[in-house]
Amino acid sequence: MRFLAHLLIRTYQLTLSGLSGRQCRHLPTCSAYTDEAIQRHGFWAGGWIGLARVVRCHPWGSSGFDPVPAALDPTYRWWAPWRGARWTGRHIDPATRLD
């Protein structure tokens, strides 16, 4: 699953991403973040972490340097993976804001 997810994300990066423009509010970009999260934490946990990042990437959302967490959140459980995702941008250092 990790390889398939990587292949789909890479296909998006090489095709659709160029058409929509480079307007990402975070570093690394949402697609690179999701790819790294899946590679680091597995398809299930990393996919939820990446989904949370995509959800908070909107004009009124967070911005700035936001690396993939090195370890899963202690509240993460495989049956409730949304608990381990960061759904708000409160963890981002205000000094790294990009807007």
PDB file of N, CA and C in Angstrom:
ATOM      1  N   MET A   1       0.813  -1.196   0.000  1.00  0.00           N
ATOM      2  CA  MET A   1       0.000   0.000   0.000  1.00  0.00           C
ATOM      3  C   MET A   1       0.863   1.268   0.000  1.00  0.00           C
ATOM      4  N   ARG A   2       1.971   1.222   0.724  1.00  0.00           N
ATOM      5  CA  ARG A   2       2.843   2.399   0.749  1.00  0.00           C
ATOM      6  C   ARG A   2       3.344   2.744  -0.644  1.00  0.00           C
ATOM      7  N   PHE A   3       3.753   1.717  -1.382  1.00  0.00           N
ATOM      8  CA  PHE A   3       4.270   1.969  -2.720  1.00  0.00           C
ATOM      9  C   PHE A   3       3.184   2.508  -3.631  1.00  0.00           C
ATOM     10  N   LEU A   4       1.983   1.953  -3.552  1.00  0.00           N
ATOM     11  CA  LEU A   4       0.875   2.426  -4.375  1.00  0.00           C
ATOM     12  C   LEU A   4       0.525   3.869  -4.025  1.00  0.00           C
ATOM     13  N   ALA A   5       0.480   4.189  -2.744  1.00  0.00           N
ATOM     14  CA  ALA A   5       0.207   5.560  -2.317  1.00  0.00           C
ATOM     15  C   ALA A   5       1.292   6.501  -2.829  1.00  0.00           C
ATOM     16  N   HIS A   6       2.545   6.074  -2.724  1.00  0.00           N
ATOM     17  CA  HIS A   6       3.660   6.891  -3.223  1.00  0.00           C
ATOM     18  C   HIS A   6       3.520   7.130  -4.727  1.00  0.00           C
ATOM     19  N   LEU A   7       3.166   6.084  -5.458  1.00  0.00           N
ATOM     20  CA  LEU A   7       2.993   6.194  -6.902  1.00  0.00           C
ATOM     21  C   LEU A   7       1.859   7.160  -7.251  1.00  0.00           C
ATOM     22  N   LEU A   8       0.742   7.081  -6.548  1.00  0.00           N
ATOM     23  CA  LEU A   8      -0.381   7.988  -6.804  1.00  0.00           C
ATOM     24  C   LEU A   8      -0.020   9.438  -6.466  1.00  0.00           C
ATOM     25  N   ILE A   9       0.648   9.645  -5.351  1.00  0.00           N
ATOM     26  CA  ILE A   9       1.046  10.998  -4.962  1.00  0.00           C
ATOM     27  C   ILE A   9       2.043  11.561  -5.962  1.00  0.00           C
ATOM     28  N   ARG A  10       2.998  10.748  -6.376  1.00  0.00           N
ATOM     29  CA  ARG A  10       3.995  11.213  -7.343  1.00  0.00           C
ATOM     30  C   ARG A  10       3.351  11.542  -8.687  1.00  0.00           C
ATOM     31  N   THR A  11       2.368  10.735  -9.091  1.00  0.00           N
ATOM     32  CA  THR A  11       1.635  11.029 -10.329  1.00  0.00           C
ATOM     33  C   THR A  11       0.921  12.367 -10.210  1.00  0.00           C
ATOM     34  N   TYR A  12       0.289  12.609  -9.076  1.00  0.00           N
ATOM     35  CA  TYR A  12      -0.363  13.896  -8.846  1.00  0.00           C
ATOM     36  C   TYR A  12       0.655  15.038  -8.927  1.00  0.00           C
ATOM     37  N   GLN A  13       1.803  14.875  -8.288  1.00  0.00           N
ATOM     38  CA  GLN A  13       2.815  15.920  -8.280  1.00  0.00           C
ATOM     39  C   GLN A  13       3.298  16.262  -9.684  1.00  0.00           C
ATOM     40  N   LEU A  14       3.414  15.261 -10.541  1.00  0.00           N
ATOM     41  CA  LEU A  14       3.937  15.480 -11.887  1.00  0.00           C
ATOM     42  C   LEU A  14       2.870  15.924 -12.887  1.00  0.00           C
ATOM     43  N   THR A  15       1.602  15.775 -12.557  1.00  0.00           N
ATOM     44  CA  THR A  15       0.545  16.124 -13.512  1.00  0.00           C
ATOM     45  C   THR A  15      -0.356  17.236 -12.978  1.00  0.00           C
ATOM     46  N   LEU A  16      -1.271  16.920 -12.111  1.00  0.00           N
ATOM     47  CA  LEU A  16      -2.286  17.870 -11.656  1.00  0.00           C
ATOM     48  C   LEU A  16      -1.727  19.020 -10.828  1.00  0.00           C
ATOM     49  N   SER A  17      -0.697  18.769 -10.060  1.00  0.00           N
ATOM     50  CA  SER A  17      -0.124  19.818  -9.222  1.00  0.00           C
ATOM     51  C   SER A  17       0.355  21.002 -10.061  1.00  0.00           C
ATOM     52  N   GLY A  18       0.942  20.728 -11.204  1.00  0.00           N
ATOM     53  CA  GLY A  18       1.411  21.794 -12.079  1.00  0.00           C
ATOM     54  C   GLY A  18       0.277  22.603 -12.682  1.00  0.00           C
ATOM     55  N   LEU A  19      -0.858  21.979 -12.888  1.00  0.00           N
ATOM     56  CA  LEU A  19      -2.009  22.680 -13.454  1.00  0.00           C
ATOM     57  C   LEU A  19      -2.692  23.593 -12.450  1.00  0.00           C
ATOM     58  N   SER A  20      -2.679  23.215 -11.185  1.00  0.00           N
ATOM     59  CA  SER A  20      -3.362  24.015 -10.167  1.00  0.00           C
ATOM     60  C   SER A  20      -2.503  25.169  -9.657  1.00  0.00           C
ATOM     61  N   GLY A  21      -1.235  25.177  -9.962  1.00  0.00           N
ATOM     62  CA  GLY A  21      -0.362  26.269  -9.532  1.00  0.00           C
ATOM     63  C   GLY A  21       0.339  25.964  -8.225  1.00  0.00           C
ATOM     64  N   ARG A  22       1.388  26.688  -7.967  1.00  0.00           N
ATOM     65  CA  ARG A  22       2.190  26.497  -6.748  1.00  0.00           C
ATOM     66  C   ARG A  22       1.751  27.512  -5.703  1.00  0.00           C
ATOM     67  N   GLN A  23       0.749  27.171  -4.945  1.00  0.00           N
ATOM     68  CA  GLN A  23       0.222  28.105  -3.958  1.00  0.00           C
ATOM     69  C   GLN A  23       0.101  27.467  -2.582  1.00  0.00           C
ATOM     70  N   CYS A  24       0.979  26.549  -2.275  1.00  0.00           N
ATOM     71  CA  CYS A  24       0.892  25.835  -1.007  1.00  0.00           C
ATOM     72  C   CYS A  24       1.240  26.778   0.147  1.00  0.00           C
ATOM     73  N   ARG A  25       0.536  26.614   1.240  1.00  0.00           N
ATOM     74  CA  ARG A  25       0.716  27.475   2.403  1.00  0.00           C
ATOM     75  C   ARG A  25       1.703  26.887   3.413  1.00  0.00           C
ATOM     76  N   HIS A  26       2.207  25.706   3.142  1.00  0.00           N
ATOM     77  CA  HIS A  26       3.097  25.025   4.078  1.00  0.00           C
ATOM     78  C   HIS A  26       4.373  24.565   3.387  1.00  0.00           C
ATOM     79  N   LEU A  27       5.379  24.333   4.203  1.00  0.00           N
ATOM     80  CA  LEU A  27       6.603  23.662   3.775  1.00  0.00           C
ATOM     81  C   LEU A  27       6.772  22.453   4.671  1.00  0.00           C
ATOM     82  N   PRO A  28       6.939  21.282   4.193  1.00  0.00           N
ATOM     83  CA  PRO A  28       6.882  20.858   2.796  1.00  0.00           C
ATOM     84  C   PRO A  28       5.444  20.924   2.270  1.00  0.00           C
ATOM     85  N   THR A  29       5.290  20.815   0.964  1.00  0.00           N
ATOM     86  CA  THR A  29       3.960  20.881   0.366  1.00  0.00           C
ATOM     87  C   THR A  29       3.092  19.752   0.908  1.00  0.00           C
ATOM     88  N   CYS A  30       1.791  19.886   0.745  1.00  0.00           N
ATOM     89  CA  CYS A  30       0.857  18.892   1.291  1.00  0.00           C
ATOM     90  C   CYS A  30       1.085  17.513   0.693  1.00  0.00           C
ATOM     91  N   SER A  31       1.381  17.448  -0.597  1.00  0.00           N
ATOM     92  CA  SER A  31       1.599  16.133  -1.210  1.00  0.00           C
ATOM     93  C   SER A  31       2.897  15.508  -0.714  1.00  0.00           C
ATOM     94  N   ALA A  32       3.955  16.294  -0.583  1.00  0.00           N
ATOM     95  CA  ALA A  32       5.219  15.770  -0.060  1.00  0.00           C
ATOM     96  C   ALA A  32       5.066  15.362   1.406  1.00  0.00           C
ATOM     97  N   TYR A  33       4.305  16.143   2.169  1.00  0.00           N
ATOM     98  CA  TYR A  33       4.047  15.844   3.578  1.00  0.00           C
ATOM     99  C   TYR A  33       3.309  14.520   3.713  1.00  0.00           C
ATOM    100  N   THR A  34       2.251  14.341   2.914  1.00  0.00           N
ATOM    101  CA  THR A  34       1.471  13.105   2.969  1.00  0.00           C
ATOM    102  C   THR A  34       2.316  11.913   2.564  1.00  0.00           C
ATOM    103  N   ASP A  35       3.116  12.068   1.520  1.00  0.00           N
ATOM    104  CA  ASP A  35       3.987  10.988   1.072  1.00  0.00           C
ATOM    105  C   ASP A  35       4.964  10.603   2.178  1.00  0.00           C
ATOM    106  N   GLU A  36       5.583  11.582   2.809  1.00  0.00           N
ATOM    107  CA  GLU A  36       6.537  11.298   3.882  1.00  0.00           C
ATOM    108  C   GLU A  36       5.838  10.679   5.091  1.00  0.00           C
ATOM    109  N   ALA A  37       4.638  11.153   5.420  1.00  0.00           N
ATOM    110  CA  ALA A  37       3.900  10.598   6.557  1.00  0.00           C
ATOM    111  C   ALA A  37       3.558   9.133   6.318  1.00  0.00           C
ATOM    112  N   ILE A  38       3.150   8.793   5.098  1.00  0.00           N
ATOM    113  CA  ILE A  38       2.833   7.405   4.776  1.00  0.00           C
ATOM    114  C   ILE A  38       4.082   6.541   4.815  1.00  0.00           C
ATOM    115  N   GLN A  39       5.193   7.042   4.297  1.00  0.00           N
ATOM    116  CA  GLN A  39       6.433   6.275   4.318  1.00  0.00           C
ATOM    117  C   GLN A  39       6.936   6.069   5.749  1.00  0.00           C
ATOM    118  N   ARG A  40       6.753   7.070   6.597  1.00  0.00           N
ATOM    119  CA  ARG A  40       7.271   7.002   7.968  1.00  0.00           C
ATOM    120  C   ARG A  40       6.356   6.216   8.918  1.00  0.00           C
ATOM    121  N   HIS A  41       5.036   6.420   8.796  1.00  0.00           N
ATOM    122  CA  HIS A  41       4.101   5.865   9.770  1.00  0.00           C
ATOM    123  C   HIS A  41       3.168   4.797   9.212  1.00  0.00           C
ATOM    124  N   GLY A  42       3.311   4.466   7.938  1.00  0.00           N
ATOM    125  CA  GLY A  42       2.440   3.456   7.350  1.00  0.00           C
ATOM    126  C   GLY A  42       1.253   4.077   6.654  1.00  0.00           C
ATOM    127  N   PHE A  43       0.586   3.261   5.842  1.00  0.00           N
ATOM    128  CA  PHE A  43      -0.511   3.771   5.021  1.00  0.00           C
ATOM    129  C   PHE A  43      -1.681   4.265   5.863  1.00  0.00           C
ATOM    130  N   TRP A  44      -2.070   3.522   6.876  1.00  0.00           N
ATOM    131  CA  TRP A  44      -3.249   3.873   7.654  1.00  0.00           C
ATOM    132  C   TRP A  44      -3.012   5.135   8.498  1.00  0.00           C
ATOM    133  N   ALA A  45      -2.019   5.115   9.360  1.00  0.00           N
ATOM    134  CA  ALA A  45      -1.750   6.273  10.224  1.00  0.00           C
ATOM    135  C   ALA A  45      -1.252   7.466   9.403  1.00  0.00           C
ATOM    136  N   GLY A  46      -0.313   7.237   8.496  1.00  0.00           N
ATOM    137  CA  GLY A  46       0.229   8.320   7.676  1.00  0.00           C
ATOM    138  C   GLY A  46      -0.811   8.943   6.768  1.00  0.00           C
ATOM    139  N   GLY A  47      -1.733   8.125   6.279  1.00  0.00           N
ATOM    140  CA  GLY A  47      -2.813   8.652   5.444  1.00  0.00           C
ATOM    141  C   GLY A  47      -3.703   9.615   6.206  1.00  0.00           C
ATOM    142  N   TRP A  48      -4.015   9.290   7.445  1.00  0.00           N
ATOM    143  CA  TRP A  48      -4.824  10.185   8.269  1.00  0.00           C
ATOM    144  C   TRP A  48      -4.064  11.456   8.632  1.00  0.00           C
ATOM    145  N   ILE A  49      -2.774  11.316   8.905  1.00  0.00           N
ATOM    146  CA  ILE A  49      -1.957  12.501   9.202  1.00  0.00           C
ATOM    147  C   ILE A  49      -1.925  13.421   7.982  1.00  0.00           C
ATOM    148  N   GLY A  50      -1.748  12.838   6.800  1.00  0.00           N
ATOM    149  CA  GLY A  50      -1.743  13.618   5.563  1.00  0.00           C
ATOM    150  C   GLY A  50      -3.091  14.245   5.273  1.00  0.00           C
ATOM    151  N   LEU A  51      -4.180  13.521   5.516  1.00  0.00           N
ATOM    152  CA  LEU A  51      -5.520  14.065   5.299  1.00  0.00           C
ATOM    153  C   LEU A  51      -5.756  15.280   6.186  1.00  0.00           C
ATOM    154  N   ALA A  52      -5.328  15.203   7.442  1.00  0.00           N
ATOM    155  CA  ALA A  52      -5.487  16.342   8.350  1.00  0.00           C
ATOM    156  C   ALA A  52      -4.729  17.553   7.833  1.00  0.00           C
ATOM    157  N   ARG A  53      -3.561  17.337   7.265  1.00  0.00           N
ATOM    158  CA  ARG A  53      -2.777  18.444   6.708  1.00  0.00           C
ATOM    159  C   ARG A  53      -3.487  19.078   5.517  1.00  0.00           C
ATOM    160  N   VAL A  54      -4.030  18.256   4.620  1.00  0.00           N
ATOM    161  CA  VAL A  54      -4.745  18.778   3.449  1.00  0.00           C
ATOM    162  C   VAL A  54      -5.978  19.561   3.894  1.00  0.00           C
ATOM    163  N   VAL A  55      -6.671  19.082   4.911  1.00  0.00           N
ATOM    164  CA  VAL A  55      -7.876  19.752   5.401  1.00  0.00           C
ATOM    165  C   VAL A  55      -7.553  21.131   5.970  1.00  0.00           C
ATOM    166  N   ARG A  56      -6.424  21.279   6.634  1.00  0.00           N
ATOM    167  CA  ARG A  56      -6.105  22.593   7.221  1.00  0.00           C
ATOM    168  C   ARG A  56      -5.374  23.524   6.255  1.00  0.00           C
ATOM    169  N   CYS A  57      -5.192  23.110   5.027  1.00  0.00           N
ATOM    170  CA  CYS A  57      -4.529  23.942   4.021  1.00  0.00           C
ATOM    171  C   CYS A  57      -5.586  24.664   3.193  1.00  0.00           C
ATOM    172  N   HIS A  58      -6.034  25.783   3.699  1.00  0.00           N
ATOM    173  CA  HIS A  58      -7.019  26.619   3.009  1.00  0.00           C
ATOM    174  C   HIS A  58      -6.710  28.071   3.350  1.00  0.00           C
ATOM    175  N   PRO A  59      -7.330  29.041   2.668  1.00  0.00           N
ATOM    176  CA  PRO A  59      -6.967  30.446   2.881  1.00  0.00           C
ATOM    177  C   PRO A  59      -7.039  30.933   4.323  1.00  0.00           C
ATOM    178  N   TRP A  60      -7.891  30.361   5.156  1.00  0.00           N
ATOM    179  CA  TRP A  60      -8.007  30.800   6.540  1.00  0.00           C
ATOM    180  C   TRP A  60      -7.336  29.822   7.492  1.00  0.00           C
ATOM    181  N   GLY A  61      -6.620  28.857   6.954  1.00  0.00           N
ATOM    182  CA  GLY A  61      -5.960  27.840   7.764  1.00  0.00           C
ATOM    183  C   GLY A  61      -4.564  28.261   8.184  1.00  0.00           C
ATOM    184  N   SER A  62      -3.822  27.297   8.640  1.00  0.00           N
ATOM    185  CA  SER A  62      -2.461  27.540   9.104  1.00  0.00           C
ATOM    186  C   SER A  62      -1.503  27.680   7.929  1.00  0.00           C
ATOM    187  N   SER A  63      -0.311  28.133   8.225  1.00  0.00           N
ATOM    188  CA  SER A  63       0.751  28.198   7.220  1.00  0.00           C
ATOM    189  C   SER A  63       2.077  28.154   7.953  1.00  0.00           C
ATOM    190  N   GLY A  64       3.134  27.858   7.209  1.00  0.00           N
ATOM    191  CA  GLY A  64       4.465  27.841   7.801  1.00  0.00           C
ATOM    192  C   GLY A  64       5.158  26.504   7.655  1.00  0.00           C
ATOM    193  N   PHE A  65       6.291  26.387   8.334  1.00  0.00           N
ATOM    194  CA  PHE A  65       7.070  25.151   8.295  1.00  0.00           C
ATOM    195  C   PHE A  65       6.399  24.129   9.208  1.00  0.00           C
ATOM    196  N   ASP A  66       6.017  23.003   8.625  1.00  0.00           N
ATOM    197  CA  ASP A  66       5.256  21.985   9.350  1.00  0.00           C
ATOM    198  C   ASP A  66       5.781  20.605   8.973  1.00  0.00           C
ATOM    199  N   PRO A  67       6.851  20.140   9.614  1.00  0.00           N
ATOM    200  CA  PRO A  67       7.393  18.818   9.264  1.00  0.00           C
ATOM    201  C   PRO A  67       6.502  17.689   9.770  1.00  0.00           C
ATOM    202  N   VAL A  68       6.654  16.531   9.184  1.00  0.00           N
ATOM    203  CA  VAL A  68       5.932  15.338   9.621  1.00  0.00           C
ATOM    204  C   VAL A  68       6.427  14.980  11.014  1.00  0.00           C
ATOM    205  N   PRO A  69       5.514  14.654  11.940  1.00  0.00           N
ATOM    206  CA  PRO A  69       5.965  14.283  13.286  1.00  0.00           C
ATOM    207  C   PRO A  69       6.851  13.036  13.254  1.00  0.00           C
ATOM    208  N   ALA A  70       7.882  13.050  14.064  1.00  0.00           N
ATOM    209  CA  ALA A  70       8.817  11.920  14.108  1.00  0.00           C
ATOM    210  C   ALA A  70       8.168  10.673  14.696  1.00  0.00           C
ATOM    211  N   ALA A  71       7.248  10.850  15.621  1.00  0.00           N
ATOM    212  CA  ALA A  71       6.562   9.725  16.259  1.00  0.00           C
ATOM    213  C   ALA A  71       5.066   9.997  16.257  1.00  0.00           C
ATOM    214  N   LEU A  72       4.298   8.946  16.327  1.00  0.00           N
ATOM    215  CA  LEU A  72       2.846   9.095  16.392  1.00  0.00           C
ATOM    216  C   LEU A  72       2.433   9.705  17.725  1.00  0.00           C
ATOM    217  N   ASP A  73       1.363  10.461  17.701  1.00  0.00           N
ATOM    218  CA  ASP A  73       0.810  11.063  18.903  1.00  0.00           C
ATOM    219  C   ASP A  73       0.431   9.951  19.892  1.00  0.00           C
ATOM    220  N   PRO A  74       0.641  10.156  21.188  1.00  0.00           N
ATOM    221  CA  PRO A  74       0.304   9.117  22.166  1.00  0.00           C
ATOM    222  C   PRO A  74      -1.181   8.749  22.173  1.00  0.00           C
ATOM    223  N   THR A  75      -2.052   9.631  21.710  1.00  0.00           N
ATOM    224  CA  THR A  75      -3.486   9.341  21.683  1.00  0.00           C
ATOM    225  C   THR A  75      -3.889   8.502  20.467  1.00  0.00           C
ATOM    226  N   TYR A  76      -2.946   8.228  19.560  1.00  0.00           N
ATOM    227  CA  TYR A  76      -3.264   7.455  18.367  1.00  0.00           C
ATOM    228  C   TYR A  76      -3.618   6.017  18.729  1.00  0.00           C
ATOM    229  N   ARG A  77      -4.688   5.538  18.137  1.00  0.00           N
ATOM    230  CA  ARG A  77      -5.084   4.138  18.224  1.00  0.00           C
ATOM    231  C   ARG A  77      -5.462   3.697  16.820  1.00  0.00           C
ATOM    232  N   TRP A  78      -5.146   2.476  16.449  1.00  0.00           N
ATOM    233  CA  TRP A  78      -5.384   2.040  15.074  1.00  0.00           C
ATOM    234  C   TRP A  78      -6.866   2.079  14.719  1.00  0.00           C
ATOM    235  N   TRP A  79      -7.756   1.901  15.698  1.00  0.00           N
ATOM    236  CA  TRP A  79      -9.185   1.909  15.411  1.00  0.00           C
ATOM    237  C   TRP A  79      -9.759   3.329  15.408  1.00  0.00           C
ATOM    238  N   ALA A  80      -8.992   4.313  15.843  1.00  0.00           N
ATOM    239  CA  ALA A  80      -9.408   5.717  15.836  1.00  0.00           C
ATOM    240  C   ALA A  80      -8.222   6.571  15.380  1.00  0.00           C
ATOM    241  N   PRO A  81      -7.790   6.412  14.126  1.00  0.00           N
ATOM    242  CA  PRO A  81      -6.557   7.066  13.681  1.00  0.00           C
ATOM    243  C   PRO A  81      -6.642   8.586  13.624  1.00  0.00           C
ATOM    244  N   TRP A  82      -7.836   9.144  13.562  1.00  0.00           N
ATOM    245  CA  TRP A  82      -7.973  10.601  13.507  1.00  0.00           C
ATOM    246  C   TRP A  82      -7.500  11.253  14.793  1.00  0.00           C
ATOM    247  N   ARG A  83      -7.392  10.501  15.878  1.00  0.00           N
ATOM    248  CA  ARG A  83      -6.907  11.060  17.140  1.00  0.00           C
ATOM    249  C   ARG A  83      -5.428  11.451  17.069  1.00  0.00           C
ATOM    250  N   GLY A  84      -4.662  10.801  16.232  1.00  0.00           N
ATOM    251  CA  GLY A  84      -3.237  11.082  16.139  1.00  0.00           C
ATOM    252  C   GLY A  84      -2.884  12.178  15.148  1.00  0.00           C
ATOM    253  N   ALA A  85      -3.878  12.663  14.411  1.00  0.00           N
ATOM    254  CA  ALA A  85      -3.618  13.698  13.396  1.00  0.00           C
ATOM    255  C   ALA A  85      -3.718  15.095  14.013  1.00  0.00           C
ATOM    256  N   ARG A  86      -3.030  16.033  13.420  1.00  0.00           N
ATOM    257  CA  ARG A  86      -3.075  17.427  13.869  1.00  0.00           C
ATOM    258  C   ARG A  86      -4.068  18.168  12.981  1.00  0.00           C
ATOM    259  N   TRP A  87      -5.268  18.417  13.478  1.00  0.00           N
ATOM    260  CA  TRP A  87      -6.336  19.002  12.671  1.00  0.00           C
ATOM    261  C   TRP A  87      -6.309  20.522  12.689  1.00  0.00           C
ATOM    262  N   THR A  88      -5.536  21.135  13.569  1.00  0.00           N
ATOM    263  CA  THR A  88      -5.388  22.588  13.595  1.00  0.00           C
ATOM    264  C   THR A  88      -3.908  22.916  13.428  1.00  0.00           C
ATOM    265  N   GLY A  89      -3.595  24.171  13.242  1.00  0.00           N
ATOM    266  CA  GLY A  89      -2.205  24.578  13.061  1.00  0.00           C
ATOM    267  C   GLY A  89      -1.556  25.129  14.317  1.00  0.00           C
ATOM    268  N   ARG A  90      -2.115  24.826  15.484  1.00  0.00           N
ATOM    269  CA  ARG A  90      -1.572  25.378  16.734  1.00  0.00           C
ATOM    270  C   ARG A  90      -0.155  24.927  17.035  1.00  0.00           C
ATOM    271  N   HIS A  91       0.283  23.828  16.455  1.00  0.00           N
ATOM    272  CA  HIS A  91       1.620  23.300  16.723  1.00  0.00           C
ATOM    273  C   HIS A  91       2.704  24.001  15.890  1.00  0.00           C
ATOM    274  N   ILE A  92       2.314  24.806  14.902  1.00  0.00           N
ATOM    275  CA  ILE A  92       3.276  25.473  14.017  1.00  0.00           C
ATOM    276  C   ILE A  92       3.818  26.729  14.679  1.00  0.00           C
ATOM    277  N   ASP A  93       5.123  26.883  14.654  1.00  0.00           N
ATOM    278  CA  ASP A  93       5.772  28.064  15.248  1.00  0.00           C
ATOM    279  C   ASP A  93       5.378  29.313  14.447  1.00  0.00           C
ATOM    280  N   PRO A  94       4.821  30.348  15.115  1.00  0.00           N
ATOM    281  CA  PRO A  94       4.416  31.563  14.407  1.00  0.00           C
ATOM    282  C   PRO A  94       5.563  32.257  13.666  1.00  0.00           C
ATOM    283  N   ALA A  95       6.785  32.019  14.082  1.00  0.00           N
ATOM    284  CA  ALA A  95       7.937  32.650  13.411  1.00  0.00           C
ATOM    285  C   ALA A  95       8.175  32.074  12.019  1.00  0.00           C
ATOM    286  N   THR A  96       7.595  30.926  11.730  1.00  0.00           N
ATOM    287  CA  THR A  96       7.808  30.302  10.415  1.00  0.00           C
ATOM    288  C   THR A  96       6.635  30.526   9.462  1.00  0.00           C
ATOM    289  N   ARG A  97       5.700  31.377   9.798  1.00  0.00           N
ATOM    290  CA  ARG A  97       4.538  31.609   8.944  1.00  0.00           C
ATOM    291  C   ARG A  97       4.987  32.117   7.574  1.00  0.00           C
ATOM    292  N   LEU A  98       4.272  31.682   6.545  1.00  0.00           N
ATOM    293  CA  LEU A  98       4.635  32.045   5.174  1.00  0.00           C
ATOM    294  C   LEU A  98       3.761  33.146   4.589  1.00  0.00           C
ATOM    295  N   ASP A  99       2.723  33.569   5.296  1.00  0.00           N
ATOM    296  CA  ASP A  99       1.855  34.625   4.750  1.00  0.00           C
ATOM    297  C   ASP A  99       2.044  35.940   5.429  1.00  0.00           C
TER     298      ASP A  99
END
